[in-house]
Amino acid sequence: MADDRTDGPRFVDTGSDEAGRITSGHAVHGVMETFEDNWWRDNYAELEELQHDRGYEYYRPAFRYGWDAYARYRGRPWTDVEAELASRWATERGESDTKWAEAKRAVRHAFDRATEVFQGK
C-alpha cells in the first residue's frame, strides 16, 4: 500500500515539456523555508558582492524575496524585473531595514538560483 502523504511542499509539474514545467508559488515559498534556507545559510559567505561580516540573517529577507520573485516573474529575465523588484522591496522586505542598494545583489543571487533550480539553467 503506497503512502501518498508528504511532510513538506510538493513541486507541481504543470507543463508537458521541460520548458513548460513550473511550480506553484506555495511550493516555491515552502522550499525556501526548508532546503533553500539551509543552502543560503551554508553558502552566502561565498557569494560575490555581499558584506559577509553582516551575517546570514541580514540577507535572509533578500534571499527569500529573490527566491519568491521567481514564482511571480517566472520565465522573465532579471533585466525585465529588476526595476519592479526594487520598487516593491520597501513593502516586501518585512521587518528588515536593509535598503535596496544593500539587498539587490542578494535578491539577484536568489532569483538566479531559483531560475537554475526550476529551469535547469
PDB file of N, CA and C in Angstrom:
ATOM      1  N   MET A   1       0.845  -1.181   0.000  1.00  0.00           N
ATOM      2  CA  MET A   1       0.000   0.000   0.000  1.00  0.00           C
ATOM      3  C   MET A   1       0.886   1.238   0.000  1.00  0.00           C
ATOM      4  N   ALA A   2       0.729   2.105  -0.987  1.00  0.00           N
ATOM      5  CA  ALA A   2       1.561   3.295  -1.110  1.00  0.00           C
ATOM      6  C   ALA A   2       1.010   4.408  -0.238  1.00  0.00           C
ATOM      7  N   ASP A   3       1.905   5.164   0.350  1.00  0.00           N
ATOM      8  CA  ASP A   3       1.538   6.297   1.179  1.00  0.00           C
ATOM      9  C   ASP A   3       1.791   7.560   0.375  1.00  0.00           C
ATOM     10  N   ASP A   4       0.738   8.318   0.020  1.00  0.00           N
ATOM     11  CA  ASP A   4       0.866   9.499  -0.811  1.00  0.00           C
ATOM     12  C   ASP A   4       1.084  10.776  -0.012  1.00  0.00           C
ATOM     13  N   ARG A   5       1.154  10.676   1.305  1.00  0.00           N
ATOM     14  CA  ARG A   5       1.357  11.870   2.117  1.00  0.00           C
ATOM     15  C   ARG A   5       2.788  12.375   1.970  1.00  0.00           C
ATOM     16  N   THR A   6       2.959  13.681   2.142  1.00  0.00           N
ATOM     17  CA  THR A   6       4.285  14.275   2.156  1.00  0.00           C
ATOM     18  C   THR A   6       4.413  15.104   3.414  1.00  0.00           C
ATOM     19  N   ASP A   7       5.615  15.271   3.861  1.00  0.00           N
ATOM     20  CA  ASP A   7       5.862  16.079   5.049  1.00  0.00           C
ATOM     21  C   ASP A   7       6.200  17.514   4.697  1.00  0.00           C
ATOM     22  N   GLY A   8       6.302  17.832   3.444  1.00  0.00           N
ATOM     23  CA  GLY A   8       6.699  19.171   3.036  1.00  0.00           C
ATOM     24  C   GLY A   8       6.024  19.565   1.748  1.00  0.00           C
ATOM     25  N   PRO A   9       6.465  20.677   1.180  1.00  0.00           N
ATOM     26  CA  PRO A   9       5.866  21.160  -0.061  1.00  0.00           C
ATOM     27  C   PRO A   9       6.154  20.229  -1.217  1.00  0.00           C
ATOM     28  N   ARG A  10       5.276  20.250  -2.192  1.00  0.00           N
ATOM     29  CA  ARG A  10       5.446  19.429  -3.384  1.00  0.00           C
ATOM     30  C   ARG A  10       5.664  20.328  -4.579  1.00  0.00           C
ATOM     31  N   PHE A  11       6.489  19.879  -5.495  1.00  0.00           N
ATOM     32  CA  PHE A  11       6.679  20.586  -6.748  1.00  0.00           C
ATOM     33  C   PHE A  11       5.579  20.138  -7.687  1.00  0.00           C
ATOM     34  N   VAL A  12       5.005  21.081  -8.380  1.00  0.00           N
ATOM     35  CA  VAL A  12       3.905  20.783  -9.277  1.00  0.00           C
ATOM     36  C   VAL A  12       4.377  20.974 -10.707  1.00  0.00           C
ATOM     37  N   ASP A  13       4.370  19.926 -11.472  1.00  0.00           N
ATOM     38  CA  ASP A  13       4.763  19.980 -12.870  1.00  0.00           C
ATOM     39  C   ASP A  13       3.491  20.178 -13.685  1.00  0.00           C
ATOM     40  N   THR A  14       3.312  21.386 -14.213  1.00  0.00           N
ATOM     41  CA  THR A  14       2.100  21.665 -14.971  1.00  0.00           C
ATOM     42  C   THR A  14       2.364  21.755 -16.464  1.00  0.00           C
ATOM     43  N   GLY A  15       3.592  21.467 -16.877  1.00  0.00           N
ATOM     44  CA  GLY A  15       3.923  21.551 -18.293  1.00  0.00           C
ATOM     45  C   GLY A  15       4.095  20.183 -18.907  1.00  0.00           C
ATOM     46  N   SER A  16       4.067  20.154 -20.216  1.00  0.00           N
ATOM     47  CA  SER A  16       4.216  18.882 -20.916  1.00  0.00           C
ATOM     48  C   SER A  16       5.649  18.657 -21.371  1.00  0.00           C
ATOM     49  N   ASP A  17       6.475  19.673 -21.295  1.00  0.00           N
ATOM     50  CA  ASP A  17       7.878  19.518 -21.655  1.00  0.00           C
ATOM     51  C   ASP A  17       8.728  20.314 -20.682  1.00  0.00           C
ATOM     52  N   GLU A  18      10.035  20.197 -20.801  1.00  0.00           N
ATOM     53  CA  GLU A  18      10.930  20.855 -19.840  1.00  0.00           C
ATOM     54  C   GLU A  18      10.707  22.360 -19.791  1.00  0.00           C
ATOM     55  N   ALA A  19      10.493  22.993 -20.930  1.00  0.00           N
ATOM     56  CA  ALA A  19      10.294  24.441 -20.961  1.00  0.00           C
ATOM     57  C   ALA A  19       8.991  24.849 -20.303  1.00  0.00           C
ATOM     58  N   GLY A  20       8.019  23.957 -20.239  1.00  0.00           N
ATOM     59  CA  GLY A  20       6.726  24.295 -19.666  1.00  0.00           C
ATOM     60  C   GLY A  20       6.576  23.960 -18.207  1.00  0.00           C
ATOM     61  N   ARG A  21       7.577  23.356 -17.587  1.00  0.00           N
ATOM     62  CA  ARG A  21       7.465  22.956 -16.192  1.00  0.00           C
ATOM     63  C   ARG A  21       7.565  24.165 -15.282  1.00  0.00           C
ATOM     64  N   ILE A  22       6.627  24.258 -14.370  1.00  0.00           N
ATOM     65  CA  ILE A  22       6.621  25.345 -13.400  1.00  0.00           C
ATOM     66  C   ILE A  22       6.242  24.778 -12.044  1.00  0.00           C
ATOM     67  N   THR A  23       6.393  25.568 -11.045  1.00  0.00           N
ATOM     68  CA  THR A  23       5.983  25.159  -9.710  1.00  0.00           C
ATOM     69  C   THR A  23       4.964  26.150  -9.200  1.00  0.00           C
ATOM     70  N   SER A  24       4.189  25.708  -8.256  1.00  0.00           N
ATOM     71  CA  SER A  24       3.231  26.631  -7.653  1.00  0.00           C
ATOM     72  C   SER A  24       3.984  27.597  -6.765  1.00  0.00           C
ATOM     73  N   GLY A  25       3.458  28.791  -6.591  1.00  0.00           N
ATOM     74  CA  GLY A  25       4.074  29.766  -5.703  1.00  0.00           C
ATOM     75  C   GLY A  25       4.194  29.236  -4.292  1.00  0.00           C
ATOM     76  N   HIS A  26       3.206  28.479  -3.839  1.00  0.00           N
ATOM     77  CA  HIS A  26       3.241  27.905  -2.494  1.00  0.00           C
ATOM     78  C   HIS A  26       4.419  26.960  -2.352  1.00  0.00           C
ATOM     79  N   ALA A  27       4.636  26.123  -3.337  1.00  0.00           N
ATOM     80  CA  ALA A  27       5.739  25.172  -3.264  1.00  0.00           C
ATOM     81  C   ALA A  27       7.070  25.895  -3.275  1.00  0.00           C
ATOM     82  N   VAL A  28       7.209  26.923  -4.097  1.00  0.00           N
ATOM     83  CA  VAL A  28       8.454  27.668  -4.159  1.00  0.00           C
ATOM     84  C   VAL A  28       8.745  28.284  -2.802  1.00  0.00           C
ATOM     85  N   HIS A  29       7.761  28.906  -2.182  1.00  0.00           N
ATOM     86  CA  HIS A  29       7.955  29.527  -0.877  1.00  0.00           C
ATOM     87  C   HIS A  29       8.288  28.467   0.165  1.00  0.00           C
ATOM     88  N   GLY A  30       7.623  27.348   0.148  1.00  0.00           N
ATOM     89  CA  GLY A  30       7.884  26.284   1.105  1.00  0.00           C
ATOM     90  C   GLY A  30       9.292  25.741   0.993  1.00  0.00           C
ATOM     91  N   VAL A  31       9.806  25.647  -0.218  1.00  0.00           N
ATOM     92  CA  VAL A  31      11.170  25.167  -0.408  1.00  0.00           C
ATOM     93  C   VAL A  31      12.155  26.147   0.209  1.00  0.00           C
ATOM     94  N   MET A  32      11.905  27.448   0.062  1.00  0.00           N
ATOM     95  CA  MET A  32      12.801  28.443   0.659  1.00  0.00           C
ATOM     96  C   MET A  32      12.832  28.281   2.161  1.00  0.00           C
ATOM     97  N   GLU A  33      11.701  27.959   2.734  1.00  0.00           N
ATOM     98  CA  GLU A  33      11.623  27.822   4.179  1.00  0.00           C
ATOM     99  C   GLU A  33      12.419  26.638   4.699  1.00  0.00           C
ATOM    100  N   THR A  34      12.700  25.678   3.885  1.00  0.00           N
ATOM    101  CA  THR A  34      13.377  24.471   4.356  1.00  0.00           C
ATOM    102  C   THR A  34      14.737  24.317   3.684  1.00  0.00           C
ATOM    103  N   PHE A  35      14.769  23.607   2.595  1.00  0.00           N
ATOM    104  CA  PHE A  35      16.018  23.296   1.922  1.00  0.00           C
ATOM    105  C   PHE A  35      16.800  24.539   1.530  1.00  0.00           C
ATOM    106  N   GLU A  36      16.179  25.470   0.861  1.00  0.00           N
ATOM    107  CA  GLU A  36      16.895  26.646   0.364  1.00  0.00           C
ATOM    108  C   GLU A  36      17.429  27.510   1.496  1.00  0.00           C
ATOM    109  N   ASP A  37      16.679  27.657   2.559  1.00  0.00           N
ATOM    110  CA  ASP A  37      17.161  28.448   3.682  1.00  0.00           C
ATOM    111  C   ASP A  37      18.482  27.869   4.189  1.00  0.00           C
ATOM    112  N   ASN A  38      18.554  26.566   4.302  1.00  0.00           N
ATOM    113  CA  ASN A  38      19.796  25.919   4.732  1.00  0.00           C
ATOM    114  C   ASN A  38      20.908  26.128   3.713  1.00  0.00           C
ATOM    115  N   TRP A  39      20.577  26.038   2.438  1.00  0.00           N
ATOM    116  CA  TRP A  39      21.593  26.243   1.399  1.00  0.00           C
ATOM    117  C   TRP A  39      22.172  27.649   1.497  1.00  0.00           C
ATOM    118  N   TRP A  40      21.313  28.658   1.608  1.00  0.00           N
ATOM    119  CA  TRP A  40      21.788  30.043   1.687  1.00  0.00           C
ATOM    120  C   TRP A  40      22.629  30.258   2.940  1.00  0.00           C
ATOM    121  N   ARG A  41      22.187  29.728   4.053  1.00  0.00           N
ATOM    122  CA  ARG A  41      22.937  29.861   5.310  1.00  0.00           C
ATOM    123  C   ARG A  41      24.355  29.273   5.156  1.00  0.00           C
ATOM    124  N   ASP A  42      24.453  28.138   4.498  1.00  0.00           N
ATOM    125  CA  ASP A  42      25.745  27.474   4.330  1.00  0.00           C
ATOM    126  C   ASP A  42      26.629  28.120   3.274  1.00  0.00           C
ATOM    127  N   ASN A  43      26.055  28.821   2.315  1.00  0.00           N
ATOM    128  CA  ASN A  43      26.821  29.285   1.156  1.00  0.00           C
ATOM    129  C   ASN A  43      26.882  30.793   0.954  1.00  0.00           C
ATOM    130  N   TYR A  44      26.146  31.577   1.723  1.00  0.00           N
ATOM    131  CA  TYR A  44      26.090  33.013   1.432  1.00  0.00           C
ATOM    132  C   TYR A  44      27.462  33.686   1.502  1.00  0.00           C
ATOM    133  N   ALA A  45      28.337  33.206   2.368  1.00  0.00           N
ATOM    134  CA  ALA A  45      29.648  33.833   2.531  1.00  0.00           C
ATOM    135  C   ALA A  45      30.519  33.696   1.283  1.00  0.00           C
ATOM    136  N   GLU A  46      30.163  32.789   0.394  1.00  0.00           N
ATOM    137  CA  GLU A  46      30.936  32.582  -0.838  1.00  0.00           C
ATOM    138  C   GLU A  46      30.423  33.446  -1.991  1.00  0.00           C
ATOM    139  N   LEU A  47      29.307  34.124  -1.806  1.00  0.00           N
ATOM    140  CA  LEU A  47      28.695  34.880  -2.889  1.00  0.00           C
ATOM    141  C   LEU A  47      29.356  36.244  -3.064  1.00  0.00           C
ATOM    142  N   GLU A  48      29.483  36.645  -4.310  1.00  0.00           N
ATOM    143  CA  GLU A  48      30.120  37.919  -4.635  1.00  0.00           C
ATOM    144  C   GLU A  48      29.256  39.104  -4.232  1.00  0.00           C
ATOM    145  N   GLU A  49      29.916  40.188  -3.898  1.00  0.00           N
ATOM    146  CA  GLU A  49      29.297  41.489  -3.658  1.00  0.00           C
ATOM    147  C   GLU A  49      28.383  41.551  -2.434  1.00  0.00           C
ATOM    148  N   LEU A  50      28.559  40.642  -1.487  1.00  0.00           N
ATOM    149  CA  LEU A  50      27.831  40.721  -0.222  1.00  0.00           C
ATOM    150  C   LEU A  50      28.823  41.066   0.876  1.00  0.00           C
ATOM    151  N   GLN A  51      28.348  41.761   1.892  1.00  0.00           N
ATOM    152  CA  GLN A  51      29.194  42.094   3.039  1.00  0.00           C
ATOM    153  C   GLN A  51      29.070  40.956   4.042  1.00  0.00           C
ATOM    154  N   HIS A  52      30.017  40.056   4.013  1.00  0.00           N
ATOM    155  CA  HIS A  52      29.925  38.824   4.781  1.00  0.00           C
ATOM    156  C   HIS A  52      29.973  39.042   6.284  1.00  0.00           C
ATOM    157  N   ASP A  53      30.484  40.180   6.722  1.00  0.00           N
ATOM    158  CA  ASP A  53      30.519  40.459   8.155  1.00  0.00           C
ATOM    159  C   ASP A  53      29.132  40.804   8.709  1.00  0.00           C
ATOM    160  N   ARG A  54      28.167  41.012   7.855  1.00  0.00           N
ATOM    161  CA  ARG A  54      26.806  41.338   8.300  1.00  0.00           C
ATOM    162  C   ARG A  54      26.069  40.109   8.804  1.00  0.00           C
ATOM    163  N   GLY A  55      26.466  38.927   8.394  1.00  0.00           N
ATOM    164  CA  GLY A  55      25.824  37.700   8.834  1.00  0.00           C
ATOM    165  C   GLY A  55      24.655  37.302   7.946  1.00  0.00           C
ATOM    166  N   TYR A  56      24.331  36.038   8.029  1.00  0.00           N
ATOM    167  CA  TYR A  56      23.274  35.477   7.190  1.00  0.00           C
ATOM    168  C   TYR A  56      21.920  36.141   7.424  1.00  0.00           C
ATOM    169  N   GLU A  57      21.539  36.356   8.655  1.00  0.00           N
ATOM    170  CA  GLU A  57      20.211  36.899   8.970  1.00  0.00           C
ATOM    171  C   GLU A  57      19.968  38.259   8.325  1.00  0.00           C
ATOM    172  N   TYR A  58      21.012  39.026   8.129  1.00  0.00           N
ATOM    173  CA  TYR A  58      20.885  40.329   7.474  1.00  0.00           C
ATOM    174  C   TYR A  58      20.365  40.170   6.047  1.00  0.00           C
ATOM    175  N   TYR A  59      20.858  39.149   5.347  1.00  0.00           N
ATOM    176  CA  TYR A  59      20.495  38.939   3.946  1.00  0.00           C
ATOM    177  C   TYR A  59      19.313  38.003   3.746  1.00  0.00           C
ATOM    178  N   ARG A  60      18.897  37.319   4.783  1.00  0.00           N
ATOM    179  CA  ARG A  60      17.835  36.319   4.641  1.00  0.00           C
ATOM    180  C   ARG A  60      16.570  36.879   3.970  1.00  0.00           C
ATOM    181  N   PRO A  61      16.052  38.050   4.374  1.00  0.00           N
ATOM    182  CA  PRO A  61      14.850  38.569   3.693  1.00  0.00           C
ATOM    183  C   PRO A  61      15.083  38.805   2.194  1.00  0.00           C
ATOM    184  N   ALA A  62      16.280  39.222   1.827  1.00  0.00           N
ATOM    185  CA  ALA A  62      16.583  39.457   0.413  1.00  0.00           C
ATOM    186  C   ALA A  62      16.658  38.143  -0.355  1.00  0.00           C
ATOM    187  N   PHE A  63      17.249  37.117   0.259  1.00  0.00           N
ATOM    188  CA  PHE A  63      17.275  35.809  -0.397  1.00  0.00           C
ATOM    189  C   PHE A  63      15.855  35.281  -0.603  1.00  0.00           C
ATOM    190  N   ARG A  64      15.031  35.410   0.419  1.00  0.00           N
ATOM    191  CA  ARG A  64      13.644  34.938   0.314  1.00  0.00           C
ATOM    192  C   ARG A  64      12.900  35.717  -0.775  1.00  0.00           C
ATOM    193  N   TYR A  65      13.066  37.021  -0.800  1.00  0.00           N
ATOM    194  CA  TYR A  65      12.396  37.870  -1.786  1.00  0.00           C
ATOM    195  C   TYR A  65      12.812  37.487  -3.207  1.00  0.00           C
ATOM    196  N   GLY A  66      14.095  37.278  -3.425  1.00  0.00           N
ATOM    197  CA  GLY A  66      14.578  36.890  -4.750  1.00  0.00           C
ATOM    198  C   GLY A  66      14.073  35.519  -5.167  1.00  0.00           C
ATOM    199  N   TRP A  67      14.056  34.594  -4.206  1.00  0.00           N
ATOM    200  CA  TRP A  67      13.559  33.237  -4.486  1.00  0.00           C
ATOM    201  C   TRP A  67      12.081  33.283  -4.837  1.00  0.00           C
ATOM    202  N   ASP A  68      11.290  33.989  -4.023  1.00  0.00           N
ATOM    203  CA  ASP A  68       9.850  34.096  -4.272  1.00  0.00           C
ATOM    204  C   ASP A  68       9.552  34.859  -5.565  1.00  0.00           C
ATOM    205  N   ALA A  69      10.434  35.786  -5.934  1.00  0.00           N
ATOM    206  CA  ALA A  69      10.232  36.557  -7.164  1.00  0.00           C
ATOM    207  C   ALA A  69      10.241  35.655  -8.390  1.00  0.00           C
ATOM    208  N   TYR A  70      10.976  34.570  -8.311  1.00  0.00           N
ATOM    209  CA  TYR A  70      10.979  33.645  -9.450  1.00  0.00           C
ATOM    210  C   TYR A  70       9.561  33.173  -9.761  1.00  0.00           C
ATOM    211  N   ALA A  71       8.802  32.819  -8.745  1.00  0.00           N
ATOM    212  CA  ALA A  71       7.432  32.344  -8.966  1.00  0.00           C
ATOM    213  C   ALA A  71       6.566  33.453  -9.553  1.00  0.00           C
ATOM    214  N   ARG A  72       6.765  34.662  -9.101  1.00  0.00           N
ATOM    215  CA  ARG A  72       5.965  35.793  -9.561  1.00  0.00           C
ATOM    216  C   ARG A  72       6.304  36.170 -11.002  1.00  0.00           C
ATOM    217  N   TYR A  73       7.568  36.086 -11.364  1.00  0.00           N
ATOM    218  CA  TYR A  73       8.032  36.549 -12.680  1.00  0.00           C
ATOM    219  C   TYR A  73       8.570  35.409 -13.541  1.00  0.00           C
ATOM    220  N   ARG A  74       8.103  34.237 -13.298  1.00  0.00           N
ATOM    221  CA  ARG A  74       8.572  33.026 -13.973  1.00  0.00           C
ATOM    222  C   ARG A  74       8.749  33.245 -15.479  1.00  0.00           C
ATOM    223  N   GLY A  75       9.943  32.895 -15.952  1.00  0.00           N
ATOM    224  CA  GLY A  75      10.229  32.982 -17.375  1.00  0.00           C
ATOM    225  C   GLY A  75      10.764  34.322 -17.835  1.00  0.00           C
ATOM    226  N   ARG A  76      10.781  35.307 -16.943  1.00  0.00           N
ATOM    227  CA  ARG A  76      11.285  36.634 -17.327  1.00  0.00           C
ATOM    228  C   ARG A  76      12.708  36.808 -16.804  1.00  0.00           C
ATOM    229  N   PRO A  77      13.570  37.426 -17.590  1.00  0.00           N
ATOM    230  CA  PRO A  77      14.951  37.625 -17.134  1.00  0.00           C
ATOM    231  C   PRO A  77      15.047  38.741 -16.084  1.00  0.00           C
ATOM    232  N   TRP A  78      16.127  38.703 -15.327  1.00  0.00           N
ATOM    233  CA  TRP A  78      16.375  39.696 -14.277  1.00  0.00           C
ATOM    234  C   TRP A  78      16.259  41.119 -14.809  1.00  0.00           C
ATOM    235  N   THR A  79      16.794  41.384 -15.989  1.00  0.00           N
ATOM    236  CA  THR A  79      16.770  42.746 -16.536  1.00  0.00           C
ATOM    237  C   THR A  79      15.350  43.259 -16.736  1.00  0.00           C
ATOM    238  N   ASP A  80      14.396  42.367 -16.947  1.00  0.00           N
ATOM    239  CA  ASP A  80      12.997  42.781 -17.118  1.00  0.00           C
ATOM    240  C   ASP A  80      12.279  43.025 -15.798  1.00  0.00           C
ATOM    241  N   VAL A  81      12.753  42.436 -14.719  1.00  0.00           N
ATOM    242  CA  VAL A  81      12.016  42.511 -13.453  1.00  0.00           C
ATOM    243  C   VAL A  81      12.714  43.337 -12.383  1.00  0.00           C
ATOM    244  N   GLU A  82      13.961  43.679 -12.580  1.00  0.00           N
ATOM    245  CA  GLU A  82      14.738  44.371 -11.551  1.00  0.00           C
ATOM    246  C   GLU A  82      14.079  45.662 -11.061  1.00  0.00           C
ATOM    247  N   ALA A  83      13.615  46.497 -11.964  1.00  0.00           N
ATOM    248  CA  ALA A  83      13.025  47.775 -11.550  1.00  0.00           C
ATOM    249  C   ALA A  83      11.779  47.569 -10.686  1.00  0.00           C
ATOM    250  N   GLU A  84      10.948  46.608 -11.064  1.00  0.00           N
ATOM    251  CA  GLU A  84       9.753  46.341 -10.262  1.00  0.00           C
ATOM    252  C   GLU A  84      10.121  45.756  -8.898  1.00  0.00           C
ATOM    253  N   LEU A  85      11.098  44.865  -8.876  1.00  0.00           N
ATOM    254  CA  LEU A  85      11.548  44.309  -7.598  1.00  0.00           C
ATOM    255  C   LEU A  85      12.077  45.420  -6.695  1.00  0.00           C
ATOM    256  N   ALA A  86      12.828  46.331  -7.266  1.00  0.00           N
ATOM    257  CA  ALA A  86      13.360  47.454  -6.486  1.00  0.00           C
ATOM    258  C   ALA A  86      12.227  48.293  -5.906  1.00  0.00           C
ATOM    259  N   SER A  87      11.209  48.572  -6.710  1.00  0.00           N
ATOM    260  CA  SER A  87      10.110  49.429  -6.233  1.00  0.00           C
ATOM    261  C   SER A  87       9.258  48.730  -5.174  1.00  0.00           C
ATOM    262  N   ARG A  88       9.213  47.408  -5.178  1.00  0.00           N
ATOM    263  CA  ARG A  88       8.416  46.658  -4.210  1.00  0.00           C
ATOM    264  C   ARG A  88       9.190  46.293  -2.943  1.00  0.00           C
ATOM    265  N   TRP A  89      10.517  46.435  -2.954  1.00  0.00           N
ATOM    266  CA  TRP A  89      11.349  45.992  -1.842  1.00  0.00           C
ATOM    267  C   TRP A  89      10.917  46.597  -0.507  1.00  0.00           C
ATOM    268  N   ALA A  90      10.614  47.880  -0.470  1.00  0.00           N
ATOM    269  CA  ALA A  90      10.269  48.536   0.802  1.00  0.00           C
ATOM    270  C   ALA A  90       9.050  47.900   1.473  1.00  0.00           C
ATOM    271  N   THR A  91       8.113  47.389   0.687  1.00  0.00           N
ATOM    272  CA  THR A  91       6.932  46.759   1.273  1.00  0.00           C
ATOM    273  C   THR A  91       7.095  45.252   1.428  1.00  0.00           C
ATOM    274  N   GLU A  92       7.985  44.645   0.677  1.00  0.00           N
ATOM    275  CA  GLU A  92       8.167  43.193   0.696  1.00  0.00           C
ATOM    276  C   GLU A  92       9.245  42.730   1.684  1.00  0.00           C
ATOM    277  N   ARG A  93      10.043  43.633   2.180  1.00  0.00           N
ATOM    278  CA  ARG A  93      11.197  43.231   2.998  1.00  0.00           C
ATOM    279  C   ARG A  93      10.849  42.869   4.436  1.00  0.00           C
ATOM    280  N   GLY A  94       9.602  43.017   4.801  1.00  0.00           N
ATOM    281  CA  GLY A  94       9.201  42.664   6.152  1.00  0.00           C
ATOM    282  C   GLY A  94       9.803  43.603   7.173  1.00  0.00           C
ATOM    283  N   GLU A  95      10.332  43.052   8.238  1.00  0.00           N
ATOM    284  CA  GLU A  95      10.903  43.860   9.314  1.00  0.00           C
ATOM    285  C   GLU A  95      12.338  44.297   9.038  1.00  0.00           C
ATOM    286  N   SER A  96      12.899  43.852   7.943  1.00  0.00           N
ATOM    287  CA  SER A  96      14.266  44.225   7.603  1.00  0.00           C
ATOM    288  C   SER A  96      14.350  45.717   7.316  1.00  0.00           C
ATOM    289  N   ASP A  97      15.429  46.342   7.756  1.00  0.00           N
ATOM    290  CA  ASP A  97      15.638  47.754   7.426  1.00  0.00           C
ATOM    291  C   ASP A  97      16.692  47.916   6.334  1.00  0.00           C
ATOM    292  N   THR A  98      17.027  46.819   5.681  1.00  0.00           N
ATOM    293  CA  THR A  98      18.018  46.825   4.610  1.00  0.00           C
ATOM    294  C   THR A  98      17.489  47.604   3.415  1.00  0.00           C
ATOM    295  N   LYS A  99      18.282  48.535   2.943  1.00  0.00           N
ATOM    296  CA  LYS A  99      17.930  49.323   1.759  1.00  0.00           C
ATOM    297  C   LYS A  99      18.153  48.492   0.496  1.00  0.00           C
ATOM    298  N   TRP A 100      17.449  48.851  -0.575  1.00  0.00           N
ATOM    299  CA  TRP A 100      17.552  48.105  -1.825  1.00  0.00           C
ATOM    300  C   TRP A 100      18.992  48.005  -2.312  1.00  0.00           C
ATOM    301  N   ALA A 101      19.741  49.088  -2.223  1.00  0.00           N
ATOM    302  CA  ALA A 101      21.124  49.070  -2.701  1.00  0.00           C
ATOM    303  C   ALA A 101      21.949  47.985  -2.001  1.00  0.00           C
ATOM    304  N   GLU A 102      21.640  47.699  -0.742  1.00  0.00           N
ATOM    305  CA  GLU A 102      22.358  46.672   0.011  1.00  0.00           C
ATOM    306  C   GLU A 102      21.780  45.277  -0.235  1.00  0.00           C
ATOM    307  N   ALA A 103      20.492  45.200  -0.536  1.00  0.00           N
ATOM    308  CA  ALA A 103      19.818  43.911  -0.703  1.00  0.00           C
ATOM    309  C   ALA A 103      19.846  43.415  -2.143  1.00  0.00           C
ATOM    310  N   LYS A 104      20.001  44.302  -3.083  1.00  0.00           N
ATOM    311  CA  LYS A 104      19.859  43.976  -4.503  1.00  0.00           C
ATOM    312  C   LYS A 104      20.680  42.761  -4.927  1.00  0.00           C
ATOM    313  N   ARG A 105      21.935  42.694  -4.552  1.00  0.00           N
ATOM    314  CA  ARG A 105      22.781  41.591  -5.012  1.00  0.00           C
ATOM    315  C   ARG A 105      22.315  40.256  -4.428  1.00  0.00           C
ATOM    316  N   ALA A 106      21.866  40.253  -3.169  1.00  0.00           N
ATOM    317  CA  ALA A 106      21.357  39.016  -2.565  1.00  0.00           C
ATOM    318  C   ALA A 106      20.059  38.590  -3.256  1.00  0.00           C
ATOM    319  N   VAL A 107      19.204  39.557  -3.581  1.00  0.00           N
ATOM    320  CA  VAL A 107      17.969  39.259  -4.307  1.00  0.00           C
ATOM    321  C   VAL A 107      18.320  38.645  -5.658  1.00  0.00           C
ATOM    322  N   ARG A 108      19.278  39.224  -6.336  1.00  0.00           N
ATOM    323  CA  ARG A 108      19.701  38.710  -7.648  1.00  0.00           C
ATOM    324  C   ARG A 108      20.265  37.292  -7.536  1.00  0.00           C
ATOM    325  N   HIS A 109      21.098  37.043  -6.531  1.00  0.00           N
ATOM    326  CA  HIS A 109      21.634  35.696  -6.336  1.00  0.00           C
ATOM    327  C   HIS A 109      20.495  34.675  -6.195  1.00  0.00           C
ATOM    328  N   ALA A 110      19.498  35.013  -5.390  1.00  0.00           N
ATOM    329  CA  ALA A 110      18.390  34.078  -5.148  1.00  0.00           C
ATOM    330  C   ALA A 110      17.525  33.909  -6.391  1.00  0.00           C
ATOM    331  N   PHE A 111      17.263  34.998  -7.101  1.00  0.00           N
ATOM    332  CA  PHE A 111      16.475  34.928  -8.333  1.00  0.00           C
ATOM    333  C   PHE A 111      17.182  34.036  -9.352  1.00  0.00           C
ATOM    334  N   ASP A 112      18.479  34.223  -9.500  1.00  0.00           N
ATOM    335  CA  ASP A 112      19.252  33.411 -10.446  1.00  0.00           C
ATOM    336  C   ASP A 112      19.293  31.949 -10.006  1.00  0.00           C
ATOM    337  N   ARG A 113      19.445  31.705  -8.715  1.00  0.00           N
ATOM    338  CA  ARG A 113      19.477  30.321  -8.241  1.00  0.00           C
ATOM    339  C   ARG A 113      18.133  29.639  -8.482  1.00  0.00           C
ATOM    340  N   ALA A 114      17.029  30.320  -8.209  1.00  0.00           N
ATOM    341  CA  ALA A 114      15.706  29.735  -8.455  1.00  0.00           C
ATOM    342  C   ALA A 114      15.537  29.422  -9.940  1.00  0.00           C
ATOM    343  N   THR A 115      16.004  30.304 -10.793  1.00  0.00           N
ATOM    344  CA  THR A 115      15.937  30.058 -12.234  1.00  0.00           C
ATOM    345  C   THR A 115      16.718  28.806 -12.595  1.00  0.00           C
ATOM    346  N   GLU A 116      17.905  28.658 -12.029  1.00  0.00           N
ATOM    347  CA  GLU A 116      18.712  27.471 -12.294  1.00  0.00           C
ATOM    348  C   GLU A 116      18.037  26.206 -11.781  1.00  0.00           C
ATOM    349  N   VAL A 117      17.487  26.266 -10.580  1.00  0.00           N
ATOM    350  CA  VAL A 117      16.865  25.098  -9.967  1.00  0.00           C
ATOM    351  C   VAL A 117      15.637  24.652 -10.750  1.00  0.00           C
ATOM    352  N   PHE A 118      14.769  25.589 -11.091  1.00  0.00           N
ATOM    353  CA  PHE A 118      13.499  25.231 -11.702  1.00  0.00           C
ATOM    354  C   PHE A 118      13.543  25.117 -13.220  1.00  0.00           C
ATOM    355  N   GLN A 119      14.484  25.779 -13.859  1.00  0.00           N
ATOM    356  CA  GLN A 119      14.573  25.690 -15.303  1.00  0.00           C
ATOM    357  C   GLN A 119      15.772  24.875 -15.765  1.00  0.00           C
ATOM    358  N   GLY A 120      16.583  24.450 -14.836  1.00  0.00           N
ATOM    359  CA  GLY A 120      17.735  23.635 -15.184  1.00  0.00           C
ATOM    360  C   GLY A 120      18.805  24.399 -15.947  1.00  0.00           C
ATOM    361  N   LYS A 121      18.898  25.692 -15.688  1.00  0.00           N
ATOM    362  CA  LYS A 121      19.890  26.516 -16.419  1.00  0.00           C
ATOM    363  C   LYS A 121      21.109  26.732 -15.578  1.00  0.00           C
TER     364      LYS A 121
END
